[in-house]
N, C-alpha and C. Protein backbone atom coordinates (compact mmCIF):
# COMPACT_ATOMS: atom_id res chain seq x y z
N UNK A 1 0.77 -1.00 -0.05
CA UNK A 1 -0.14 -0.26 -0.40
C UNK A 1 0.78 1.04 0.10
N UNK A 2 0.57 2.07 -0.87
CA UNK A 2 1.36 3.49 -1.19
C UNK A 2 1.50 4.02 0.24
N UNK A 3 0.25 4.51 1.02
CA UNK A 3 0.67 5.18 2.23
C UNK A 3 0.60 4.60 3.45
N UNK A 4 1.24 3.19 3.29
CA UNK A 4 1.76 2.62 4.77
C UNK A 4 2.84 3.12 5.32
N UNK A 5 2.73 3.92 6.57
CA UNK A 5 3.62 4.91 6.99
C UNK A 5 4.39 4.03 8.11
N UNK A 6 4.02 2.88 8.30
CA UNK A 6 4.63 2.45 9.75
C UNK A 6 6.09 2.21 9.71
N UNK A 7 7.06 1.96 8.75
CA UNK A 7 8.51 2.25 8.91
C UNK A 7 8.83 3.81 8.77
N UNK A 8 8.19 4.52 8.52
CA UNK A 8 8.63 5.95 8.56
C UNK A 8 8.72 6.59 9.75
N UNK A 9 7.60 5.94 10.26
CA UNK A 9 7.55 6.88 11.89
C UNK A 9 7.90 5.57 12.94
N UNK A 10 8.69 4.86 12.57
CA UNK A 10 9.01 4.01 14.05
C UNK A 10 10.08 4.21 14.54
N UNK A 11 10.74 5.08 14.19
CA UNK A 11 11.89 5.52 14.87
C UNK A 11 11.54 6.63 15.68
N UNK A 12 10.59 7.45 15.71
CA UNK A 12 9.80 8.67 16.22
C UNK A 12 10.48 9.79 15.89
N UNK A 13 11.10 9.99 15.17
CA UNK A 13 12.41 10.78 14.54
C UNK A 13 12.73 10.79 13.44
N UNK A 14 12.32 11.81 12.47
CA UNK A 14 12.82 12.10 11.13
C UNK A 14 13.98 12.99 10.80
N UNK A 15 15.15 12.70 10.46
CA UNK A 15 16.43 13.52 10.31
C UNK A 15 15.75 14.23 9.03
N UNK A 16 15.92 15.68 9.04
CA UNK A 16 15.55 16.78 7.54
C UNK A 16 16.70 17.33 7.61
N UNK A 17 17.42 16.76 6.37
CA UNK A 17 18.71 17.39 5.99
C UNK A 17 18.95 18.12 4.51
N UNK A 18 19.87 19.34 4.26
CA UNK A 18 20.25 19.98 3.20
C UNK A 18 21.39 18.81 2.88
N UNK A 19 21.87 18.65 1.56
CA UNK A 19 22.99 17.89 1.39
C UNK A 19 23.64 18.54 0.33
N UNK A 20 24.53 19.37 0.19
CA UNK A 20 25.18 20.23 -0.55
C UNK A 20 25.89 19.94 -1.77
N UNK A 21 26.49 18.46 -1.32
CA UNK A 21 27.64 17.52 -1.98
C UNK A 21 27.09 16.17 -1.70
N UNK A 22 26.87 15.48 -2.75
CA UNK A 22 26.43 13.76 -2.56
C UNK A 22 27.45 13.08 -1.98
N UNK A 23 28.57 13.49 -2.47
CA UNK A 23 29.60 12.70 -1.51
C UNK A 23 29.79 12.65 -0.09
N UNK A 24 28.72 13.22 0.64
CA UNK A 24 28.58 13.68 2.08
C UNK A 24 27.55 12.64 2.63
N UNK A 25 26.79 12.27 1.58
CA UNK A 25 25.76 11.46 1.63
C UNK A 25 25.80 9.93 2.65
N UNK A 26 26.98 9.07 1.64
CA UNK A 26 26.79 7.82 2.70
C UNK A 26 27.33 7.99 4.16
N UNK A 27 28.57 8.69 4.19
CA UNK A 27 29.11 9.35 5.49
C UNK A 27 27.89 9.31 6.62
N UNK A 28 26.93 10.26 6.12
CA UNK A 28 26.08 10.78 6.79
C UNK A 28 24.76 9.64 6.96
N UNK A 29 24.56 8.89 6.32
CA UNK A 29 23.66 7.73 6.20
C UNK A 29 24.04 6.86 7.16
N UNK A 30 25.37 6.50 6.79
CA UNK A 30 26.44 5.44 7.99
C UNK A 30 26.32 6.13 9.57
N UNK A 31 26.59 7.38 9.37
CA UNK A 31 26.32 7.96 11.20
C UNK A 31 25.10 7.91 11.73
N UNK A 32 24.19 8.11 11.11
CA UNK A 32 22.42 7.84 11.29
C UNK A 32 22.28 6.77 11.68
N UNK A 33 22.50 5.66 11.05
CA UNK A 33 22.34 4.51 11.52
C UNK A 33 23.31 3.91 12.54
N UNK A 34 24.49 4.29 12.94
CA UNK A 34 25.04 3.94 13.87
C UNK A 34 24.53 4.48 14.94
N UNK A 35 24.12 5.50 15.02
CA UNK A 35 23.52 6.36 15.97
C UNK A 35 22.00 5.82 16.30
N UNK A 36 21.59 4.38 15.78
CA UNK A 36 20.06 4.38 15.59
C UNK A 36 18.93 4.53 15.22
N UNK A 37 19.21 5.55 14.06
CA UNK A 37 18.47 6.57 13.69
C UNK A 37 18.17 5.96 12.15
N UNK A 38 17.71 4.83 11.68
CA UNK A 38 17.92 4.77 10.49
C UNK A 38 16.95 5.15 9.46
N UNK A 39 16.61 6.27 9.14
CA UNK A 39 15.83 7.04 8.36
C UNK A 39 16.30 8.59 7.92
N UNK A 40 16.17 8.86 6.81
CA UNK A 40 16.33 10.11 6.28
C UNK A 40 15.96 11.12 5.51
N UNK A 41 15.05 12.66 5.82
CA UNK A 41 14.62 12.82 4.57
C UNK A 41 15.22 14.01 3.95
N UNK A 42 15.97 13.61 2.41
CA UNK A 42 16.91 14.64 1.86
C UNK A 42 15.87 15.18 1.29
N UNK A 43 16.36 16.92 1.82
CA UNK A 43 15.53 17.85 1.13
C UNK A 43 15.61 18.19 -0.59
N UNK A 44 14.77 18.28 -1.37
CA UNK A 44 15.24 18.88 -2.62
C UNK A 44 15.62 20.44 -2.80
N UNK A 45 16.46 20.89 -1.88
CA UNK A 45 16.68 22.30 -1.77
C UNK A 45 17.92 22.64 -2.22
N UNK A 46 18.59 21.60 -2.83
CA UNK A 46 19.92 21.44 -3.39
C UNK A 46 19.74 20.84 -4.77
N UNK A 47 20.70 21.27 -5.65
CA UNK A 47 21.07 20.43 -6.72
C UNK A 47 21.76 18.93 -6.48
N UNK A 48 22.20 19.08 -5.50
CA UNK A 48 22.79 17.79 -5.54
C UNK A 48 21.51 16.48 -4.39
N UNK A 49 20.51 16.93 -4.14
CA UNK A 49 19.76 16.10 -3.48
C UNK A 49 19.50 14.63 -4.25
N UNK A 50 19.02 15.28 -5.30
CA UNK A 50 18.64 13.62 -5.65
C UNK A 50 19.69 12.83 -6.04
N UNK A 51 21.06 13.21 -6.29
CA UNK A 51 22.44 12.54 -6.45
C UNK A 51 22.89 11.99 -5.11
N UNK A 52 22.54 12.34 -3.96
CA UNK A 52 22.72 12.28 -2.49
C UNK A 52 21.55 11.15 -2.27
N UNK A 53 20.44 11.12 -2.89
CA UNK A 53 19.44 10.01 -2.27
C UNK A 53 19.95 8.58 -3.40
N UNK A 54 20.50 9.19 -4.42
CA UNK A 54 21.24 7.41 -5.28
C UNK A 54 22.49 7.19 -4.41
N UNK A 55 22.95 7.88 -4.03
CA UNK A 55 24.56 7.66 -3.80
C UNK A 55 24.38 6.65 -2.30
N UNK A 56 23.08 6.99 -1.29
CA UNK A 56 23.05 6.05 -0.41
C UNK A 56 22.38 4.95 -0.76
N UNK A 57 21.74 4.98 -1.63
CA UNK A 57 21.28 3.83 -2.36
C UNK A 57 22.28 2.76 -2.83
N UNK A 58 22.74 3.55 -3.87
CA UNK A 58 24.30 2.52 -4.58
C UNK A 58 25.20 1.99 -3.27
N UNK A 59 25.25 2.85 -2.23
CA UNK A 59 25.99 2.55 -1.19
C UNK A 59 25.77 1.03 -0.50
N UNK A 60 24.31 0.92 -0.67
CA UNK A 60 23.73 -0.46 -0.10
C UNK A 60 23.17 -0.23 1.26
N UNK A 61 22.76 1.01 1.56
CA UNK A 61 22.45 1.39 3.15
C UNK A 61 21.01 1.34 2.88
N UNK A 62 20.10 0.75 1.91
CA UNK A 62 18.82 1.10 1.75
C UNK A 62 18.60 -0.55 2.17
N UNK A 63 19.74 -1.66 1.73
CA UNK A 63 19.43 -3.00 1.92
C UNK A 63 19.88 -3.51 3.09
N UNK A 64 19.45 -5.03 3.39
CA UNK A 64 20.09 -5.89 4.58
C UNK A 64 18.92 -5.74 5.37
N UNK A 65 19.26 -6.28 6.05
CA UNK A 65 18.52 -6.75 7.79
C UNK A 65 17.83 -5.56 8.09
N UNK A 66 18.33 -4.67 8.06
CA UNK A 66 18.39 -3.39 8.66
C UNK A 66 18.60 -2.33 8.19
N UNK A 67 17.66 -2.24 7.01
CA UNK A 67 17.75 -0.81 5.95
C UNK A 67 17.59 0.40 6.41
N UNK A 68 18.36 1.13 5.73
CA UNK A 68 17.68 2.78 6.07
C UNK A 68 16.78 2.90 5.25
N UNK A 69 15.91 3.94 5.87
CA UNK A 69 14.66 4.38 4.84
C UNK A 69 15.29 5.48 4.28
N UNK A 70 15.28 6.04 3.05
CA UNK A 70 15.51 7.34 2.64
C UNK A 70 14.50 7.98 1.61
N UNK A 71 14.23 8.99 2.22
CA UNK A 71 12.89 9.73 1.34
C UNK A 71 13.80 11.40 0.92
N UNK A 72 12.61 11.64 0.45
CA UNK A 72 12.94 13.05 -0.69
C UNK A 72 11.70 13.92 0.13
N UNK A 73 12.22 15.27 0.19
CA UNK A 73 11.58 16.28 1.35
C UNK A 73 11.49 17.47 0.45
N UNK A 74 10.47 18.43 0.74
CA UNK A 74 10.60 19.68 0.10
C UNK A 74 10.43 19.06 -1.39
N UNK A 75 9.24 18.51 -1.76
CA UNK A 75 8.75 17.75 -3.06
C UNK A 75 7.66 18.80 -3.17
N UNK A 76 7.69 19.87 -4.75
CA UNK A 76 6.89 20.21 -5.13
C UNK A 76 5.98 19.90 -6.43
N UNK A 77 6.61 19.02 -7.33
CA UNK A 77 6.31 18.89 -8.69
C UNK A 77 6.27 17.47 -8.86
N UNK A 78 5.42 17.01 -9.74
CA UNK A 78 5.68 15.66 -10.00
C UNK A 78 7.16 15.07 -10.85
N UNK A 79 7.56 16.37 -11.49
CA UNK A 79 8.80 15.61 -11.96
C UNK A 79 9.62 15.62 -11.17
N UNK A 80 9.64 16.10 -10.00
CA UNK A 80 10.61 15.90 -8.64
C UNK A 80 10.27 14.49 -7.77
N UNK A 81 8.76 14.14 -7.94
CA UNK A 81 8.63 12.79 -7.47
C UNK A 81 9.05 11.80 -8.30
N UNK A 82 9.24 11.91 -9.64
CA UNK A 82 9.82 11.14 -10.59
C UNK A 82 11.46 10.53 -10.23
N UNK A 83 11.76 12.26 -10.30
CA UNK A 83 13.20 12.18 -10.01
C UNK A 83 13.74 11.24 -8.66
N UNK A 84 12.98 11.83 -7.69
CA UNK A 84 13.51 11.03 -6.36
C UNK A 84 13.10 9.45 -6.27
N UNK A 85 11.97 8.83 -6.96
CA UNK A 85 11.75 7.60 -6.86
C UNK A 85 12.67 7.13 -7.91
N UNK A 86 12.93 7.27 -8.99
CA UNK A 86 14.21 6.94 -9.79
C UNK A 86 15.57 7.12 -9.17
N UNK A 87 15.75 7.61 -8.30
CA UNK A 87 16.85 7.76 -7.40
C UNK A 87 17.29 6.63 -6.55
N UNK A 88 15.81 6.22 -6.02
CA UNK A 88 15.64 5.14 -4.93
C UNK A 88 15.18 5.53 -3.66
N UNK A 89 14.62 6.84 -3.79
CA UNK A 89 13.88 7.33 -2.40
C UNK A 89 12.55 6.55 -2.06
N UNK A 90 12.30 6.02 -0.82
CA UNK A 90 11.11 5.49 -0.25
C UNK A 90 9.89 6.18 0.04
N UNK A 91 10.22 7.42 0.07
CA UNK A 91 8.93 7.71 0.80
C UNK A 91 9.14 9.33 0.26
N UNK A 92 8.10 10.10 -0.20
CA UNK A 92 8.13 11.84 -0.76
C UNK A 92 7.21 12.35 0.46
N UNK A 93 8.08 13.55 0.67
CA UNK A 93 7.59 14.52 1.84
C UNK A 93 7.23 15.66 0.97
N UNK A 94 6.37 16.48 1.14
CA UNK A 94 6.19 17.76 0.59
C UNK A 94 5.50 18.94 1.74
N UNK A 95 5.95 20.22 1.74
CA UNK A 95 5.43 21.02 2.19
C UNK A 95 4.26 21.59 2.70
N UNK A 96 3.19 21.04 1.58
CA UNK A 96 2.48 21.96 1.32
C UNK A 96 1.41 20.47 1.00
N UNK A 97 0.23 20.90 0.45
CA UNK A 97 -0.97 19.67 -0.10
C UNK A 97 -1.15 19.80 -1.42
N UNK A 98 -0.35 19.22 -2.33
CA UNK A 98 -0.48 19.28 -3.77
C UNK A 98 -1.15 17.75 -4.34
N UNK A 99 -2.48 17.90 -4.93
CA UNK A 99 -2.89 16.93 -5.25
C UNK A 99 -2.16 16.10 -6.55
N UNK A 100 -1.40 16.76 -6.91
CA UNK A 100 -0.72 16.39 -7.99
C UNK A 100 0.46 15.75 -7.69
N UNK A 101 0.93 16.44 -6.46
CA UNK A 101 2.49 15.14 -6.21
C UNK A 101 1.99 14.19 -5.37
N UNK A 102 0.33 13.95 -4.62
CA UNK A 102 -0.32 13.12 -4.06
C UNK A 102 -0.59 11.76 -5.29
N UNK A 103 -0.78 12.46 -6.14
CA UNK A 103 -1.71 11.40 -7.04
C UNK A 103 -0.46 10.44 -7.99
N UNK A 104 0.58 11.66 -8.24
CA UNK A 104 2.22 11.18 -9.05
C UNK A 104 2.65 10.08 -8.03
N UNK A 105 2.78 10.39 -6.65
CA UNK A 105 3.53 9.67 -5.56
C UNK A 105 2.80 8.04 -5.70
N UNK A 106 1.11 7.94 -5.53
CA UNK A 106 0.38 6.87 -5.69
C UNK A 106 0.78 6.16 -7.21
N UNK A 107 0.92 6.69 -8.30
CA UNK A 107 0.86 6.17 -9.12
C UNK A 107 2.32 5.64 -9.15
N UNK A 108 3.61 6.02 -8.19
CA UNK A 108 4.64 5.42 -7.90
C UNK A 108 4.60 4.67 -7.38
N UNK A 109 3.36 4.28 -6.39
CA UNK A 109 3.46 3.35 -5.19
C UNK A 109 4.64 3.77 -4.21
N UNK A 110 4.33 5.04 -3.73
CA UNK A 110 5.32 5.34 -2.69
C UNK A 110 4.74 6.02 -1.37
N UNK A 111 4.63 5.95 -0.32
CA UNK A 111 4.06 6.46 0.49
C UNK A 111 4.50 8.24 0.42
N UNK A 112 3.61 8.95 0.70
CA UNK A 112 3.41 10.46 0.32
C UNK A 112 3.19 11.24 2.04
N UNK A 113 3.53 12.45 2.50
CA UNK A 113 3.33 12.76 3.63
C UNK A 113 3.22 14.30 2.78
N UNK A 114 1.94 14.73 2.99
CA UNK A 114 1.66 16.17 2.71
C UNK A 114 1.54 17.16 3.92
N UNK A 115 1.90 18.33 3.37
CA UNK A 115 1.55 19.47 4.73
C UNK A 115 0.20 19.73 4.80
N UNK A 116 -0.17 20.16 5.88
CA UNK A 116 -1.55 20.53 6.34
C UNK A 116 -1.43 21.02 7.75
N UNK A 117 -1.87 22.30 8.09
CA UNK A 117 -1.59 22.78 9.30
C UNK A 117 -3.08 23.91 9.67
N UNK A 118 -4.19 24.07 8.82
CA UNK A 118 -5.42 24.31 9.13
C UNK A 118 -6.52 23.38 9.25
N UNK A 119 -7.49 23.57 9.79
CA UNK A 119 -8.51 22.63 9.73
C UNK A 119 -8.99 22.34 7.80
N UNK A 120 -8.87 23.13 7.28
CA UNK A 120 -9.45 23.03 5.65
C UNK A 120 -8.50 22.01 4.83
N UNK A 121 -6.85 22.39 5.27
CA UNK A 121 -5.81 21.66 4.74
C UNK A 121 -5.96 20.05 4.96
N UNK A 122 -6.10 20.24 6.53
CA UNK A 122 -6.59 18.88 6.99
C UNK A 122 -7.31 17.81 6.43
N UNK A 123 -8.54 18.60 6.05
CA UNK A 123 -9.91 18.07 5.88
C UNK A 123 -9.64 17.46 4.10
N UNK A 124 -8.98 19.03 3.14
CA UNK A 124 -8.64 18.35 1.80
C UNK A 124 -7.57 16.92 1.82
N UNK A 125 -6.85 16.98 2.98
CA UNK A 125 -6.23 15.74 3.06
C UNK A 125 -6.78 14.74 3.29
N UNK A 126 -7.36 14.49 3.66
CA UNK A 126 -8.47 13.21 4.20
C UNK A 126 -9.42 13.13 3.18
N UNK A 127 -9.43 14.02 2.22
CA UNK A 127 -10.15 13.63 1.01
C UNK A 127 -9.57 13.10 0.10
N UNK A 128 -8.03 13.13 -0.11
CA UNK A 128 -7.21 12.11 -0.80
C UNK A 128 -6.63 11.36 -0.01
N UNK A 129 -7.31 10.62 0.77
CA UNK A 129 -6.94 9.65 1.41
C UNK A 129 -5.38 9.73 2.28
N UNK A 130 -5.15 10.70 2.42
CA UNK A 130 -4.23 10.58 3.80
C UNK A 130 -4.48 10.78 4.86
N UNK A 131 -4.22 10.14 5.96
CA UNK A 131 -4.33 10.25 7.35
C UNK A 131 -3.48 10.60 7.89
N UNK A 132 -1.95 10.81 7.71
CA UNK A 132 -0.65 11.02 7.89
C UNK A 132 -0.36 12.31 6.99
N UNK A 133 -0.07 13.19 7.83
CA UNK A 133 0.46 14.82 7.30
C UNK A 133 1.54 15.18 8.05
N UNK A 134 2.04 16.18 7.17
CA UNK A 134 3.34 17.16 7.93
C UNK A 134 2.90 18.16 8.20
N UNK A 135 2.66 18.57 9.63
CA UNK A 135 2.45 19.76 10.19
C UNK A 135 3.56 20.85 9.88
N UNK A 136 3.51 21.70 9.32
CA UNK A 136 4.68 22.52 8.95
C UNK A 136 4.48 23.97 8.55
N UNK A 137 5.08 25.09 8.90
CA UNK A 137 5.99 24.54 10.27
C UNK A 137 5.46 24.83 11.53
N UNK A 138 5.89 23.95 12.49
CA UNK A 138 5.12 23.93 13.36
C UNK A 138 5.27 24.84 14.44
N UNK A 139 6.24 25.63 14.35
CA UNK A 139 6.60 26.78 15.56
C UNK A 139 5.84 27.87 15.32
N UNK A 140 5.80 28.11 14.12
CA UNK A 140 4.86 29.40 13.58
C UNK A 140 3.41 28.92 13.37
N UNK A 141 2.99 27.88 13.53
CA UNK A 141 1.71 27.39 13.22
C UNK A 141 1.10 27.12 14.92
N UNK A 142 1.35 27.20 15.71
CA UNK A 142 0.95 27.06 17.15
C UNK A 142 1.23 25.87 17.65
N UNK A 143 2.12 24.81 16.96
CA UNK A 143 2.76 23.83 17.57
C UNK A 143 1.91 22.85 18.05
N UNK A 144 2.43 22.51 19.12
CA UNK A 144 1.53 21.43 20.15
C UNK A 144 0.09 21.43 20.50
N UNK A 145 0.09 22.91 20.56
CA UNK A 145 -1.40 23.34 21.22
C UNK A 145 -2.27 23.51 20.02
N UNK A 146 -1.74 23.91 18.57
CA UNK A 146 -2.71 23.56 17.60
C UNK A 146 -2.80 22.20 17.04
N UNK A 147 -1.95 21.26 17.17
CA UNK A 147 -1.91 19.78 16.87
C UNK A 147 -3.23 19.26 17.83
N UNK A 148 -2.86 19.55 19.09
CA UNK A 148 -3.95 18.98 20.00
C UNK A 148 -5.55 19.48 19.90
N UNK A 149 -5.33 20.56 19.40
CA UNK A 149 -7.11 21.05 19.09
C UNK A 149 -7.53 20.24 18.00
N UNK A 150 -6.66 20.42 16.61
CA UNK A 150 -7.01 19.46 15.77
C UNK A 150 -7.43 18.06 15.99
N UNK A 151 -7.08 17.40 16.82
CA UNK A 151 -6.98 16.21 17.01
C UNK A 151 -8.71 15.87 17.48
N UNK A 152 -9.74 16.90 18.22
CA UNK A 152 -10.61 16.96 18.37
C UNK A 152 -11.86 16.69 17.18
N UNK A 153 -11.54 17.32 16.13
CA UNK A 153 -12.49 17.13 14.75
C UNK A 153 -11.81 16.12 13.81
N UNK A 154 -10.80 15.90 14.16
CA UNK A 154 -10.27 15.03 13.09
C UNK A 154 -9.40 13.64 14.07
N UNK A 155 -10.15 12.99 14.65
CA UNK A 155 -9.39 11.96 15.75
C UNK A 155 -8.43 11.12 14.71
N UNK A 156 -8.89 10.82 13.31
CA UNK A 156 -8.07 9.89 12.73
C UNK A 156 -6.99 10.61 12.24
N UNK A 157 -6.54 11.54 12.08
CA UNK A 157 -5.16 12.16 11.76
C UNK A 157 -4.29 12.11 12.66
N UNK A 158 -3.07 11.78 12.10
CA UNK A 158 -1.83 11.56 12.80
C UNK A 158 -1.06 12.63 12.06
N UNK A 159 0.05 13.09 12.94
CA UNK A 159 0.91 14.51 12.60
C UNK A 159 2.32 14.43 12.50
N UNK A 160 2.97 14.58 11.78
CA UNK A 160 4.65 15.02 11.86
C UNK A 160 5.13 16.04 11.65
N UNK A 161 5.22 16.81 13.00
CA UNK A 161 5.22 18.41 13.15
C UNK A 161 6.78 18.27 12.69
N UNK A 162 7.17 19.58 12.15
CA UNK A 162 8.39 19.77 11.49
C UNK A 162 8.46 21.52 11.41
N UNK A 163 10.08 21.97 11.70
CA UNK A 163 9.87 23.24 11.31
C UNK A 163 10.10 24.05 12.92
N UNK A 164 11.39 23.97 13.57
CA UNK A 164 11.11 24.37 15.15
C UNK A 164 11.28 23.37 16.19
N UNK A 165 11.00 22.24 15.52
CA UNK A 165 11.27 20.87 16.34
C UNK A 165 12.72 20.78 17.14
N UNK A 166 12.99 20.81 18.55
CA UNK A 166 14.27 20.90 18.85
C UNK A 166 14.35 19.82 20.03
N UNK A 167 15.26 19.87 20.69
CA UNK A 167 15.44 19.18 21.68
C UNK A 167 14.64 19.69 23.27
N UNK A 168 14.38 20.81 23.24
CA UNK A 168 13.74 21.44 24.31
C UNK A 168 12.12 21.31 24.27
N UNK A 169 11.65 21.05 22.78
CA UNK A 169 10.36 20.69 23.00
C UNK A 169 9.70 19.44 22.31
N UNK A 170 10.58 18.74 22.08
CA UNK A 170 10.97 17.52 21.44
C UNK A 170 9.40 16.76 22.28
N UNK A 171 9.39 16.85 23.83
CA UNK A 171 8.45 15.70 24.46
C UNK A 171 7.11 16.69 24.66
N UNK A 172 7.01 17.95 24.40
CA UNK A 172 6.22 18.25 24.15
C UNK A 172 5.13 17.94 22.41
N UNK A 173 6.12 17.75 21.72
CA UNK A 173 5.36 17.07 20.38
C UNK A 173 5.05 15.66 20.56
N UNK A 174 6.07 15.00 20.78
CA UNK A 174 5.91 13.51 20.85
C UNK A 174 4.88 12.88 21.99
N UNK A 175 4.70 13.78 22.86
CA UNK A 175 3.83 12.96 23.99
C UNK A 175 1.85 13.34 23.41
N UNK A 176 1.92 13.73 22.25
CA UNK A 176 0.59 14.14 21.80
C UNK A 176 0.46 13.03 21.24
N UNK A 177 -1.06 12.33 21.37
CA UNK A 177 -1.31 10.60 20.62
C UNK A 177 -1.48 10.85 18.96
N UNK A 178 -1.44 11.89 18.67
CA UNK A 178 -1.78 12.36 17.35
C UNK A 178 -0.48 12.42 16.82
N UNK A 179 0.60 12.47 17.51
CA UNK A 179 2.07 12.61 16.98
C UNK A 179 2.77 11.57 16.94
N UNK A 180 2.91 10.72 15.70
CA UNK A 180 3.87 9.23 15.84
C UNK A 180 5.38 9.46 15.93
N UNK A 181 5.82 11.02 15.43
CA UNK A 181 7.07 11.12 15.16
C UNK A 181 6.97 12.71 14.54
N UNK A 182 8.49 13.27 14.63
CA UNK A 182 8.57 14.68 14.36
C UNK A 182 9.60 14.51 13.59
N UNK A 183 9.80 15.87 12.34
CA UNK A 183 10.82 15.99 11.87
C UNK A 183 11.93 17.10 12.55
N UNK A 184 12.96 16.74 12.27
CA UNK A 184 14.05 17.82 12.69
C UNK A 184 15.40 17.77 12.10
N UNK A 185 15.92 18.89 12.35
CA UNK A 185 17.33 18.94 11.81
C UNK A 185 18.40 19.26 12.92
N UNK A 186 18.23 19.42 14.14
CA UNK A 186 19.16 19.69 14.84
C UNK A 186 20.34 18.45 14.88
N UNK A 187 19.84 17.22 14.64
CA UNK A 187 20.88 15.91 14.90
C UNK A 187 21.50 16.19 13.76
N UNK A 188 21.45 16.90 12.35
CA UNK A 188 22.30 16.85 11.21
C UNK A 188 22.67 18.47 10.70
N UNK A 189 23.07 19.24 11.66
CA UNK A 189 23.71 20.40 11.22
C UNK A 189 24.58 20.48 9.93
N UNK A 190 24.42 21.67 9.16
CA UNK A 190 24.81 21.67 7.75
C UNK A 190 26.38 21.72 8.01
N UNK A 191 27.19 22.11 8.99
CA UNK A 191 28.52 21.87 9.16
C UNK A 191 29.23 20.81 9.07
N UNK A 192 28.54 19.99 10.03
CA UNK A 192 28.91 18.65 10.18
C UNK A 192 28.62 17.59 9.36
N UNK A 193 27.38 17.98 8.09
CA UNK A 193 27.42 17.38 7.00
C UNK A 193 28.11 17.30 6.07
N UNK A 194 28.26 18.70 5.92
CA UNK A 194 29.65 19.18 4.72
C UNK A 194 30.93 18.32 5.01
N UNK A 195 31.03 18.32 6.39
CA UNK A 195 32.32 17.86 6.66
C UNK A 195 32.61 16.52 6.95
N UNK A 196 31.33 15.74 6.82
CA UNK A 196 31.45 14.40 6.92
C UNK A 196 31.89 13.72 8.26
N UNK A 197 31.64 14.64 9.25
CA UNK A 197 32.18 14.50 10.47
C UNK A 197 31.15 13.03 11.19
N UNK A 198 31.62 12.02 10.77
CA UNK A 198 30.96 10.93 11.35
C UNK A 198 30.65 10.45 12.54
N UNK A 199 31.77 10.89 13.62
CA UNK A 199 31.58 10.32 14.67
C UNK A 199 30.52 11.68 15.71
N UNK A 200 30.39 12.67 15.04
CA UNK A 200 30.10 13.69 15.74
C UNK A 200 28.51 13.54 15.19
N UNK A 201 27.95 13.26 14.14
CA UNK A 201 26.60 12.98 13.44
C UNK A 201 26.32 12.05 14.18
N UNK A 202 26.99 10.75 14.35
CA UNK A 202 26.57 9.44 15.02
C UNK A 202 26.15 9.93 16.96
N UNK A 203 27.10 10.73 17.07
CA UNK A 203 26.39 11.13 18.77
C UNK A 203 25.32 11.76 18.76
N UNK A 204 25.24 12.80 17.98
CA UNK A 204 24.19 13.91 18.00
C UNK A 204 22.71 12.98 17.49
N UNK A 205 23.00 11.83 16.61
CA UNK A 205 21.81 10.71 16.39
C UNK A 205 21.51 9.90 17.76
N UNK A 206 22.56 9.64 18.29
CA UNK A 206 21.96 8.67 19.52
C UNK A 206 21.42 9.66 20.77
N UNK A 207 22.13 10.77 20.77
CA UNK A 207 21.33 11.51 21.73
C UNK A 207 19.90 11.69 21.78
N UNK A 208 19.73 12.14 20.05
CA UNK A 208 18.08 12.45 19.77
C UNK A 208 17.48 11.12 19.95
N UNK A 209 17.97 10.21 19.78
CA UNK A 209 17.30 8.32 19.63
C UNK A 209 16.75 8.31 21.42
N UNK A 210 17.89 9.00 22.28
CA UNK A 210 17.43 8.89 23.56
C UNK A 210 16.71 9.83 24.15
N UNK A 211 16.76 10.97 23.44
CA UNK A 211 15.24 11.56 24.19
C UNK A 211 14.00 11.79 23.85
N UNK A 212 13.77 10.81 22.30
CA UNK A 212 12.83 10.47 22.00
C UNK A 212 12.17 9.12 22.79
N UNK A 213 12.99 8.05 23.10
CA UNK A 213 12.69 6.90 23.86
C UNK A 213 12.30 7.53 25.27
N UNK A 214 12.73 8.58 25.55
CA UNK A 214 12.41 8.88 27.12
C UNK A 214 11.18 9.53 27.11
N UNK A 215 10.44 9.86 25.99
CA UNK A 215 8.92 10.00 25.92
C UNK A 215 7.90 9.22 26.13
N UNK A 216 6.91 8.64 27.03
CA UNK A 216 6.08 7.38 26.75
C UNK A 216 5.19 7.52 25.58
N UNK A 217 5.13 6.44 25.06
CA UNK A 217 4.24 6.64 23.62
C UNK A 217 2.85 6.36 24.23
N UNK A 218 1.90 7.17 23.35
CA UNK A 218 0.44 7.20 24.00
C UNK A 218 0.22 5.93 23.16
N UNK A 219 -1.02 5.35 23.72
CA UNK A 219 -1.71 4.29 22.98
C UNK A 219 -2.92 4.88 22.35
């Protein structure tokens, strides 16, 4: 099923990263996996993004008994969906709700998470068959308070807050029963990604995993 999100939210954290040099992709992927975080959203905000996704796939990170889940973020067009999937992406994330992006992702049989922060957008997402959406940007859209409020009219919808999520407010987000995971970039700072600083990135990933694990999961 194209919208099966179990693997995507399994770690409760989704690193959101900009990669300017595809040569940094494999070291980043290995660092995240070693830190216990086998998932990454490579945003299509740089010319190297699609090549970075392909580099992780070609390096074998997405294979084996404990594969890494590599996806594409900031996907705005159907052409970008195709480019990401052709490179080996296993999920698509869009900052807003685009019917054409959702439909193309479904045609390519790949999970898609579209952005929705208002009741109108959430309802439109449901009409497209999406019950897992990206709440972006969380910090400037009301954060946990808004997500909690949306649970009343939309109890079937789950949210992945992204944008302003950090170690200080991680628990406030993850403690909500309609938040199975959050997206964040604090564990993948651009300077360390560019430097392929594997040890430091692994340490940040492990710390993030420990923080998430300390937040009880709501049933």
